Amino acid sequence: NEKPQHKVFLQDFSIDRAPVSNGEYLEFMNAGGYKDFRWWHSAGWEKVNTENWLAPLYWEQQSGEWMIRDFGGLHPVKEKLNTPVSHVSFLEASAFAKWAGKRLPTEAEWEKAATLSAESNAKQSFPWGDAPPDQSKANLFENGFWNVTPIGSFPEGQSAHGCHQMIGDVWEWTTSDYTPYPGFKSEFDEYNDKWFVGQKVLRGGSFATPQIHIRSTYRNFFYPHERWMIAGFRCAKDA
């Protein structure tokens, strides 16, 4: 689903240097984000009301305090304010972005921010260059953390434009529909073609993704309402 390579023309844009953090997302929640229809797609507002969404998946309240349940147990959100928010749907990510006066990036914008060398104005394989991933550059499966890490934990892995953690930690939602690239020809009829309906593209891998399996061009895909997977996001806006 990453083929064929093709040229995409983009307008100027800005993109956040880091994924949205738990602390930032908590601000959205405290501002009534889940109670104001203005920020939501209609499908998202329906989920908020029919499934009683109040927070990301695996967040729960105890004695009025928000807690996050992860592979390490149950932790107060206040202890994880500077880690990327995860287990949010595309619908939630879009609502936050609109509330913040921004939007989600397209997958082409994401890939440009992750791979364009400011020095040579040429595309490279990863945010840090062409060297394969290692434990100093990204939080992937081999690091063994099995959790998101604080923003800025991998300075050697930042992009030429200063974007942190574009590889690893959380898959990042884009606003792009999961559709075939121009000229695409399926090689696996039981895999590629059948999923090209109603899903959104995510980029960048997560802490559960093996080093050998991740590429800056990797196109993951899920339905907009899904949030069980390790998915977060960063925002963008028109320049």
Protein backbone atom coordinates (compact mmCIF):
# COMPACT_ATOMS: atom_id res chain seq x y z
CA ASN A 1 0.00 0.00 0.00
CA GLU A 2 3.07 2.31 -0.05
CA LYS A 3 3.48 2.00 -3.81
CA PRO A 4 3.98 3.50 -6.27
CA GLN A 5 6.18 6.38 -5.26
CA HIS A 6 4.64 9.56 -6.64
CA LYS A 7 4.92 13.32 -6.36
CA VAL A 8 2.53 15.31 -4.17
CA PHE A 9 2.27 19.09 -4.28
CA LEU A 10 1.66 20.78 -0.92
CA GLN A 11 0.79 24.26 0.21
CA ASP A 12 2.98 25.73 2.95
CA PHE A 13 2.02 24.44 6.39
CA SER A 14 3.17 24.32 9.98
CA ILE A 15 3.28 21.17 12.10
CA ASP A 16 3.77 20.73 15.83
CA ARG A 17 7.25 19.75 16.99
CA ALA A 18 5.78 17.14 19.34
CA PRO A 19 2.75 14.91 19.67
CA VAL A 20 -0.09 16.25 21.78
CA SER A 21 0.65 15.42 25.42
CA ASN A 22 -1.58 14.11 28.18
CA GLY A 23 -1.36 17.52 29.81
CA GLU A 24 -2.56 19.31 26.70
CA TYR A 25 -5.35 16.83 26.18
CA LEU A 26 -6.41 17.21 29.81
CA GLU A 27 -6.79 20.95 29.17
CA PHE A 28 -9.20 20.12 26.35
CA MET A 29 -11.17 17.86 28.68
CA ASN A 30 -11.23 20.43 31.49
CA ALA A 31 -12.44 23.06 29.03
CA GLY A 32 -15.51 20.93 28.36
CA GLY A 33 -14.22 19.44 25.13
CA TYR A 34 -16.38 16.34 25.41
CA LYS A 35 -19.46 18.43 26.13
CA ASP A 36 -19.33 20.92 23.26
CA PHE A 37 -20.64 19.72 19.90
CA ARG A 38 -18.82 22.52 18.05
CA TRP A 39 -15.52 20.63 18.03
CA TRP A 40 -16.80 17.29 16.82
CA HIS A 41 -17.58 15.60 13.54
CA SER A 42 -21.16 14.33 13.62
CA ALA A 43 -19.93 10.73 13.94
CA GLY A 44 -17.76 11.76 16.86
CA TRP A 45 -20.55 13.61 18.64
CA GLU A 46 -22.70 10.50 18.24
CA LYS A 47 -19.98 8.37 19.88
CA VAL A 48 -19.60 10.87 22.72
CA ASN A 49 -23.30 10.60 23.47
CA THR A 50 -24.04 6.94 22.76
CA GLU A 51 -20.89 5.50 24.33
CA ASN A 52 -20.46 8.17 27.01
CA TRP A 53 -16.94 9.14 25.99
CA LEU A 54 -15.39 11.41 28.62
CA ALA A 55 -11.68 10.78 28.10
CA PRO A 56 -9.26 8.62 26.10
CA LEU A 57 -9.65 4.87 26.39
CA TYR A 58 -8.01 3.41 29.52
CA TRP A 59 -8.42 6.67 31.44
CA GLU A 60 -10.55 6.31 34.55
CA GLN A 61 -11.49 8.51 37.48
CA GLN A 62 -10.75 7.65 41.09
CA SER A 63 -11.80 10.08 43.84
CA GLY A 64 -12.16 12.82 41.24
CA GLU A 65 -8.67 12.30 39.82
CA TRP A 66 -7.95 11.04 36.31
CA MET A 67 -5.80 7.92 36.12
CA ILE A 68 -4.26 6.07 33.16
CA ARG A 69 -4.19 2.29 33.05
CA ASP A 70 -1.32 0.87 31.00
CA PHE A 71 1.00 -2.14 30.90
CA GLY A 72 2.69 -0.88 34.08
CA GLY A 73 -0.49 -0.51 36.12
CA LEU A 74 -2.59 2.49 37.14
CA HIS A 75 -0.99 5.93 37.25
CA PRO A 76 -2.22 9.47 37.99
CA VAL A 77 -2.38 11.56 34.84
CA LYS A 78 -0.58 14.34 36.73
CA GLU A 79 2.52 12.12 36.74
CA LYS A 80 2.37 11.70 32.95
CA LEU A 81 1.50 15.18 31.74
CA ASN A 82 4.52 15.36 29.42
CA THR A 83 4.00 12.04 27.65
CA PRO A 84 2.08 11.74 24.37
CA VAL A 85 -1.61 11.08 24.78
CA SER A 86 -2.57 7.67 23.42
CA HIS A 87 -5.61 5.48 22.81
CA VAL A 88 -7.54 8.30 21.19
CA SER A 89 -9.64 7.94 18.06
CA PHE A 90 -9.42 10.03 14.92
CA LEU A 91 -12.68 11.63 16.03
CA GLU A 92 -11.15 12.73 19.33
CA ALA A 93 -7.94 13.90 17.68
CA SER A 94 -9.92 15.99 15.20
CA ALA A 95 -12.02 17.51 17.98
CA PHE A 96 -8.93 18.51 19.96
CA ALA A 97 -7.30 20.00 16.87
CA LYS A 98 -10.35 22.13 16.07
CA TRP A 99 -10.60 23.26 19.70
CA ALA A 100 -6.91 24.27 19.56
CA GLY A 101 -7.44 26.26 16.35
CA LYS A 102 -5.47 23.74 14.30
CA ARG A 103 -6.12 20.59 12.27
CA LEU A 104 -4.61 17.18 11.71
CA PRO A 105 -1.90 16.91 9.05
CA THR A 106 -2.39 15.02 5.82
CA GLU A 107 -0.20 11.96 5.43
CA ALA A 108 1.85 13.78 2.77
CA GLU A 109 2.46 16.68 5.16
CA TRP A 110 3.43 14.25 7.90
CA GLU A 111 5.86 12.45 5.60
CA LYS A 112 7.42 15.70 4.42
CA ALA A 113 7.95 16.86 8.00
CA ALA A 114 9.45 13.49 8.90
CA THR A 115 11.75 12.96 5.93
CA LEU A 116 12.71 16.22 4.21
CA SER A 117 16.29 17.30 4.89
CA ALA A 118 16.39 21.06 5.40
CA GLU A 119 20.05 21.06 4.43
CA SER A 120 19.85 19.21 1.10
CA ASN A 121 16.13 19.76 0.42
CA ALA A 122 16.00 16.04 -0.41
CA LYS A 123 14.03 13.19 1.09
CA GLN A 124 15.74 10.87 3.56
CA SER A 125 14.63 7.53 4.98
CA PHE A 126 13.93 8.64 8.56
CA PRO A 127 13.62 11.88 10.52
CA TRP A 128 17.27 11.62 11.64
CA GLY A 129 18.70 10.57 8.27
CA ASP A 130 19.16 7.31 6.39
CA ALA A 131 20.52 5.15 9.21
CA PRO A 132 18.12 2.43 10.41
CA PRO A 133 16.34 2.89 13.76
CA ASP A 134 18.11 2.02 16.98
CA GLN A 135 17.31 2.41 20.67
CA SER A 136 18.86 5.89 20.84
CA LYS A 137 16.62 7.35 18.13
CA ALA A 138 13.09 6.07 18.79
CA ASN A 139 10.92 4.26 21.33
CA LEU A 140 10.19 1.04 19.48
CA PHE A 141 9.70 -2.59 20.55
CA GLU A 142 13.41 -3.24 21.13
CA ASN A 143 13.61 -0.52 23.79
CA GLY A 144 11.46 -2.72 26.02
CA PHE A 145 9.64 0.18 27.70
CA TRP A 146 6.15 -1.00 26.67
CA ASN A 147 4.95 2.51 27.33
CA VAL A 148 5.09 5.99 25.88
CA THR A 149 8.09 8.07 26.90
CA PRO A 150 8.20 11.78 27.82
CA ILE A 151 8.32 14.24 24.94
CA GLY A 152 11.93 15.02 24.04
CA SER A 153 13.29 11.67 25.26
CA PHE A 154 15.02 10.93 21.95
CA PRO A 155 16.81 14.11 20.78
CA GLU A 156 18.95 12.05 18.37
CA GLY A 157 15.78 10.98 16.58
CA GLN A 158 14.29 14.39 15.86
CA SER A 159 13.74 15.53 12.31
CA ALA A 160 15.73 18.17 10.47
CA HIS A 161 12.94 20.62 11.35
CA GLY A 162 13.06 19.77 15.06
CA CYS A 163 10.04 17.45 15.23
CA HIS A 164 10.30 14.94 18.06
CA GLN A 165 9.17 11.31 18.16
CA MET A 166 7.76 11.06 14.67
CA ILE A 167 8.93 7.45 14.75
CA GLY A 168 7.84 5.31 17.71
CA ASP A 169 5.88 6.00 20.90
CA VAL A 170 2.42 6.41 19.26
CA TRP A 171 0.95 5.92 15.81
CA GLU A 172 -0.14 9.37 14.62
CA TRP A 173 -3.52 10.04 13.04
CA THR A 174 -3.65 11.98 9.80
CA THR A 175 -6.68 13.46 8.13
CA SER A 176 -6.06 11.39 4.97
CA ASP A 177 -8.45 8.69 3.90
CA TYR A 178 -6.91 5.25 3.44
CA THR A 179 -7.18 4.98 -0.34
CA PRO A 180 -4.81 3.59 -2.99
CA TYR A 181 -2.05 5.81 -4.30
CA PRO A 182 -2.34 6.84 -7.98
CA GLY A 183 -1.36 3.88 -10.15
CA PHE A 184 -1.61 1.34 -7.31
CA LYS A 185 -1.87 -2.31 -8.32
CA SER A 186 -2.70 -4.85 -5.65
CA GLU A 187 -0.31 -7.72 -5.03
CA PHE A 188 -2.39 -9.26 -2.24
CA ASP A 189 -6.10 -9.35 -3.00
CA GLU A 190 -6.93 -10.68 0.46
CA TYR A 191 -5.19 -7.74 2.10
CA ASN A 192 -4.86 -4.39 0.36
CA ASP A 193 -7.92 -3.80 -1.80
CA LYS A 194 -10.56 -4.84 0.71
CA TRP A 195 -9.57 -2.21 3.29
CA PHE A 196 -9.71 0.87 1.05
CA VAL A 197 -13.06 2.05 2.43
CA GLY A 198 -13.87 4.30 5.37
CA GLN A 199 -10.54 4.22 7.19
CA LYS A 200 -7.94 6.86 8.08
CA VAL A 201 -4.16 6.69 7.72
CA LEU A 202 -1.81 6.67 10.71
CA ARG A 203 1.95 7.14 10.48
CA GLY A 204 5.10 6.64 12.51
CA GLY A 205 4.85 3.41 14.50
CA SER A 206 4.50 2.91 18.25
CA PHE A 207 6.42 1.50 21.20
CA ALA A 208 5.16 -1.95 20.15
CA THR A 209 6.51 -1.71 16.58
CA PRO A 210 9.75 -3.61 15.82
CA GLN A 211 12.64 -1.64 14.34
CA ILE A 212 12.78 -3.85 11.25
CA HIS A 213 9.10 -3.24 10.57
CA ILE A 214 8.92 0.56 10.63
CA ARG A 215 9.44 2.99 7.76
CA SER A 216 8.59 6.67 7.37
CA THR A 217 6.38 5.60 4.46
CA TYR A 218 4.46 2.96 6.46
CA ARG A 219 0.69 3.44 6.09
CA ASN A 220 -1.26 2.03 9.01
CA PHE A 221 -5.05 2.33 8.91
CA PHE A 222 -7.99 2.16 11.30
CA TYR A 223 -11.60 3.26 11.38
CA PRO A 224 -12.14 6.79 12.73
CA HIS A 225 -13.88 5.63 15.92
CA GLU A 226 -11.28 3.02 16.93
CA ARG A 227 -9.01 3.76 19.85
CA TRP A 228 -7.85 0.45 21.35
CA MET A 229 -4.53 0.69 19.46
CA ILE A 230 -1.57 2.82 20.51
CA ALA A 231 -2.62 5.93 18.60
CA GLY A 232 -1.99 9.61 19.27
CA PHE A 233 -1.51 12.64 17.06
CA ARG A 234 0.20 15.94 16.43
CA CYS A 235 -1.50 19.00 15.01
CA ALA A 236 -0.83 21.12 11.96
CA LYS A 237 -2.17 24.33 10.44
CA ASP A 238 -2.01 26.28 7.24
CA ALA A 239 0.97 28.61 7.06
